[in-house]
Amino acid sequence: MSAKHREIITDIAIYLFVALFMYTAASKFLTVKSFASTLAKSPLIGSYSLFVAWAIPTVEVLISLLLIVPSAKRIGLYASFALMTLFTGYLMYMVFSGVELPCHCGGVISRMTWQQHIWFNLGFVALAITGIKANKK
């Protein structure tokens, strides 16, 4: 694959992650109290809900910034992979534990079932891997 094709693939991955993370971060920041309230019901998060409610969208914004800084985009892609893997693991835990909580990911994404959300996230995990591989020098 040519360097130009690899650059295009990397840029597409970056643009999609920035759009996803900024969209969901904005939604979470705008509903942080409700987001924290939902997280408080999670058996994994519980009493850390307010911290996590602020930390998740903050991390999403920080990763977006890494992705748009040319010298940091590789780190941003790895961070995107890590965050999406973590989110997917959490979703799988929620499905297998049987806990029924609403999703607070924002907008259209919140309307997905837990299973649809897992597949959506796995798509972004694959996108991160593709972006990382395409970004190799």
C-alpha atoms as a PDB file:
ATOM      1  CA  MET A   1       0.000   0.000   0.000  1.00  0.00           C
ATOM      2  CA  SER A   2       1.325   3.426  -0.886  1.00  0.00           C
ATOM      3  CA  ALA A   3       2.181   6.048   1.704  1.00  0.00           C
ATOM      4  CA  LYS A   4      -0.654   8.218   0.380  1.00  0.00           C
ATOM      5  CA  HIS A   5      -3.215   5.439   0.874  1.00  0.00           C
ATOM      6  CA  ARG A   6      -1.942   4.782   4.406  1.00  0.00           C
ATOM      7  CA  GLU A   7      -2.234   8.496   5.179  1.00  0.00           C
ATOM      8  CA  ILE A   8      -5.822   8.611   3.883  1.00  0.00           C
ATOM      9  CA  ILE A   9      -6.805   5.559   5.950  1.00  0.00           C
ATOM     10  CA  THR A  10      -5.191   7.064   9.052  1.00  0.00           C
ATOM     11  CA  ASP A  11      -6.949  10.381   8.485  1.00  0.00           C
ATOM     12  CA  ILE A  12     -10.343   8.697   8.053  1.00  0.00           C
ATOM     13  CA  ALA A  13      -9.844   6.796  11.318  1.00  0.00           C
ATOM     14  CA  ILE A  14      -8.806   9.993  13.085  1.00  0.00           C
ATOM     15  CA  TYR A  15     -11.759  12.015  11.760  1.00  0.00           C
ATOM     16  CA  LEU A  16     -14.219   9.304  12.784  1.00  0.00           C
ATOM     17  CA  PHE A  17     -12.756   9.057  16.290  1.00  0.00           C
ATOM     18  CA  VAL A  18     -12.702  12.827  16.770  1.00  0.00           C
ATOM     19  CA  ALA A  19     -16.330  13.054  15.625  1.00  0.00           C
ATOM     20  CA  LEU A  20     -17.369  10.193  17.920  1.00  0.00           C
ATOM     21  CA  PHE A  21     -15.467  11.386  20.980  1.00  0.00           C
ATOM     22  CA  MET A  22     -16.435  15.056  20.670  1.00  0.00           C
ATOM     23  CA  TYR A  23     -20.085  14.164  20.058  1.00  0.00           C
ATOM     24  CA  THR A  24     -20.310  11.824  23.042  1.00  0.00           C
ATOM     25  CA  ALA A  25     -18.211  14.080  25.289  1.00  0.00           C
ATOM     26  CA  ALA A  26     -20.458  17.068  24.584  1.00  0.00           C
ATOM     27  CA  SER A  27     -23.539  14.985  25.317  1.00  0.00           C
ATOM     28  CA  LYS A  28     -22.066  13.705  28.593  1.00  0.00           C
ATOM     29  CA  PHE A  29     -20.924  17.167  29.714  1.00  0.00           C
ATOM     30  CA  LEU A  30     -24.398  18.571  29.003  1.00  0.00           C
ATOM     31  CA  THR A  31     -26.064  15.853  31.098  1.00  0.00           C
ATOM     32  CA  VAL A  32     -23.319  15.189  33.641  1.00  0.00           C
ATOM     33  CA  LYS A  33     -25.681  14.946  36.645  1.00  0.00           C
ATOM     34  CA  SER A  34     -27.917  12.439  34.892  1.00  0.00           C
ATOM     35  CA  PHE A  35     -24.865  10.570  33.596  1.00  0.00           C
ATOM     36  CA  ALA A  36     -23.425  10.369  37.134  1.00  0.00           C
ATOM     37  CA  SER A  37     -26.762   9.215  38.500  1.00  0.00           C
ATOM     38  CA  THR A  38     -26.898   6.361  36.001  1.00  0.00           C
ATOM     39  CA  LEU A  39     -23.272   5.426  36.661  1.00  0.00           C
ATOM     40  CA  ALA A  40     -23.980   5.325  40.415  1.00  0.00           C
ATOM     41  CA  LYS A  41     -26.242   2.315  39.765  1.00  0.00           C
ATOM     42  CA  SER A  42     -23.444   0.394  38.063  1.00  0.00           C
ATOM     43  CA  PRO A  43     -21.921  -2.334  40.227  1.00  0.00           C
ATOM     44  CA  LEU A  44     -18.450  -1.516  38.853  1.00  0.00           C
ATOM     45  CA  ILE A  45     -18.559   2.256  39.313  1.00  0.00           C
ATOM     46  CA  GLY A  46     -20.948   2.968  42.187  1.00  0.00           C
ATOM     47  CA  SER A  47     -19.522   5.562  44.560  1.00  0.00           C
ATOM     48  CA  TYR A  48     -17.023   6.822  41.961  1.00  0.00           C
ATOM     49  CA  SER A  49     -19.831   7.884  39.640  1.00  0.00           C
ATOM     50  CA  LEU A  50     -19.327  11.657  39.807  1.00  0.00           C
ATOM     51  CA  PHE A  51     -15.595  11.343  39.186  1.00  0.00           C
ATOM     52  CA  VAL A  52     -16.163   8.921  36.295  1.00  0.00           C
ATOM     53  CA  ALA A  53     -18.946  11.120  34.863  1.00  0.00           C
ATOM     54  CA  TRP A  54     -16.446  13.970  34.511  1.00  0.00           C
ATOM     55  CA  ALA A  55     -13.415  11.825  33.688  1.00  0.00           C
ATOM     56  CA  ILE A  56     -14.865   9.972  30.687  1.00  0.00           C
ATOM     57  CA  PRO A  57     -15.797  13.010  28.576  1.00  0.00           C
ATOM     58  CA  THR A  58     -12.591  14.764  29.646  1.00  0.00           C
ATOM     59  CA  VAL A  59     -10.544  11.797  28.425  1.00  0.00           C
ATOM     60  CA  GLU A  60     -12.538  11.736  25.185  1.00  0.00           C
ATOM     61  CA  VAL A  61     -11.706  15.397  24.562  1.00  0.00           C
ATOM     62  CA  LEU A  62      -8.026  14.867  25.451  1.00  0.00           C
ATOM     63  CA  ILE A  63      -7.771  11.907  23.078  1.00  0.00           C
ATOM     64  CA  SER A  64      -9.410  14.005  20.348  1.00  0.00           C
ATOM     65  CA  LEU A  65      -6.762  16.669  20.888  1.00  0.00           C
ATOM     66  CA  LEU A  66      -4.008  14.042  20.624  1.00  0.00           C
ATOM     67  CA  LEU A  67      -5.529  12.832  17.370  1.00  0.00           C
ATOM     68  CA  ILE A  68      -5.505  16.274  15.752  1.00  0.00           C
ATOM     69  CA  VAL A  69      -1.921  17.125  16.717  1.00  0.00           C
ATOM     70  CA  PRO A  70       0.199  15.588  13.941  1.00  0.00           C
ATOM     71  CA  SER A  71       3.089  14.589  16.212  1.00  0.00           C
ATOM     72  CA  ALA A  72       0.699  12.966  18.727  1.00  0.00           C
ATOM     73  CA  LYS A  73      -1.753  11.200  16.421  1.00  0.00           C
ATOM     74  CA  ARG A  74      -0.106   7.793  16.880  1.00  0.00           C
ATOM     75  CA  ILE A  75      -0.491   8.108  20.659  1.00  0.00           C
ATOM     76  CA  GLY A  76      -4.068   9.255  20.058  1.00  0.00           C
ATOM     77  CA  LEU A  77      -4.802   6.164  17.975  1.00  0.00           C
ATOM     78  CA  TYR A  78      -3.421   3.883  20.681  1.00  0.00           C
ATOM     79  CA  ALA A  79      -5.429   5.795  23.312  1.00  0.00           C
ATOM     80  CA  SER A  80      -8.548   5.467  21.137  1.00  0.00           C
ATOM     81  CA  PHE A  81      -7.956   1.727  20.885  1.00  0.00           C
ATOM     82  CA  ALA A  82      -7.503   1.447  24.655  1.00  0.00           C
ATOM     83  CA  LEU A  83     -10.587   3.516  25.483  1.00  0.00           C
ATOM     84  CA  MET A  84     -12.837   1.689  23.009  1.00  0.00           C
ATOM     85  CA  THR A  85     -11.564  -1.660  24.286  1.00  0.00           C
ATOM     86  CA  LEU A  86     -12.314  -0.558  27.858  1.00  0.00           C
ATOM     87  CA  PHE A  87     -15.803   0.651  26.901  1.00  0.00           C
ATOM     88  CA  THR A  88     -16.484  -2.608  25.037  1.00  0.00           C
ATOM     89  CA  GLY A  89     -15.348  -4.667  28.022  1.00  0.00           C
ATOM     90  CA  TYR A  90     -17.657  -2.654  30.277  1.00  0.00           C
ATOM     91  CA  LEU A  91     -20.588  -3.193  27.901  1.00  0.00           C
ATOM     92  CA  MET A  92     -19.907  -6.920  27.755  1.00  0.00           C
ATOM     93  CA  TYR A  93     -19.767  -7.056  31.546  1.00  0.00           C
ATOM     94  CA  MET A  94     -23.119  -5.254  31.730  1.00  0.00           C
ATOM     95  CA  VAL A  95     -24.718  -7.696  29.256  1.00  0.00           C
ATOM     96  CA  PHE A  96     -23.366 -10.786  31.014  1.00  0.00           C
ATOM     97  CA  SER A  97     -24.146  -9.474  34.518  1.00  0.00           C
ATOM     98  CA  GLY A  98     -27.786  -8.886  33.611  1.00  0.00           C
ATOM     99  CA  VAL A  99     -27.780  -5.346  35.028  1.00  0.00           C
ATOM    100  CA  GLU A 100     -30.295  -3.201  33.132  1.00  0.00           C
ATOM    101  CA  LEU A 101     -29.074   0.379  32.931  1.00  0.00           C
ATOM    102  CA  PRO A 102     -29.749   2.951  30.233  1.00  0.00           C
ATOM    103  CA  CYS A 103     -26.871   4.041  28.042  1.00  0.00           C
ATOM    104  CA  HIS A 104     -25.674   7.628  28.425  1.00  0.00           C
ATOM    105  CA  CYS A 105     -23.342   7.702  25.445  1.00  0.00           C
ATOM    106  CA  GLY A 106     -25.223  10.486  23.763  1.00  0.00           C
ATOM    107  CA  GLY A 107     -27.816  11.035  21.072  1.00  0.00           C
ATOM    108  CA  VAL A 108     -28.332   8.282  18.521  1.00  0.00           C
ATOM    109  CA  ILE A 109     -25.823   5.981  20.204  1.00  0.00           C
ATOM    110  CA  SER A 110     -27.952   5.932  23.367  1.00  0.00           C
ATOM    111  CA  ARG A 111     -30.795   4.376  21.393  1.00  0.00           C
ATOM    112  CA  MET A 112     -28.790   1.243  20.587  1.00  0.00           C
ATOM    113  CA  THR A 113     -29.336  -1.998  22.452  1.00  0.00           C
ATOM    114  CA  TRP A 114     -26.413  -3.203  24.550  1.00  0.00           C
ATOM    115  CA  GLN A 115     -25.616  -5.819  21.897  1.00  0.00           C
ATOM    116  CA  GLN A 116     -25.751  -3.269  19.059  1.00  0.00           C
ATOM    117  CA  HIS A 117     -23.515  -0.995  21.107  1.00  0.00           C
ATOM    118  CA  ILE A 118     -20.972  -3.789  21.562  1.00  0.00           C
ATOM    119  CA  TRP A 119     -20.839  -4.342  17.787  1.00  0.00           C
ATOM    120  CA  PHE A 120     -20.573  -0.591  17.201  1.00  0.00           C
ATOM    121  CA  ASN A 121     -17.667  -0.396  19.643  1.00  0.00           C
ATOM    122  CA  LEU A 122     -15.976  -3.440  18.134  1.00  0.00           C
ATOM    123  CA  GLY A 123     -16.152  -1.647  14.784  1.00  0.00           C
ATOM    124  CA  PHE A 124     -14.297   1.281  16.317  1.00  0.00           C
ATOM    125  CA  VAL A 125     -11.763  -1.065  17.930  1.00  0.00           C
ATOM    126  CA  ALA A 126     -11.128  -2.475  14.440  1.00  0.00           C
ATOM    127  CA  LEU A 127     -10.926   1.075  13.080  1.00  0.00           C
ATOM    128  CA  ALA A 128      -8.284   1.943  15.673  1.00  0.00           C
ATOM    129  CA  ILE A 129      -6.239  -1.130  14.760  1.00  0.00           C
ATOM    130  CA  THR A 130      -6.536  -0.229  11.077  1.00  0.00           C
ATOM    131  CA  GLY A 131      -5.460   3.360  11.793  1.00  0.00           C
ATOM    132  CA  ILE A 132      -2.498   2.196  13.883  1.00  0.00           C
ATOM    133  CA  LYS A 133      -1.337  -0.228  11.200  1.00  0.00           C
ATOM    134  CA  ALA A 134      -1.784   2.345   8.428  1.00  0.00           C
ATOM    135  CA  ASN A 135       0.146   4.931  10.451  1.00  0.00           C
ATOM    136  CA  LYS A 136       3.281   2.780  10.754  1.00  0.00           C
ATOM    137  CA  LYS A 137       6.271   4.453   9.215  1.00  0.00           C
END
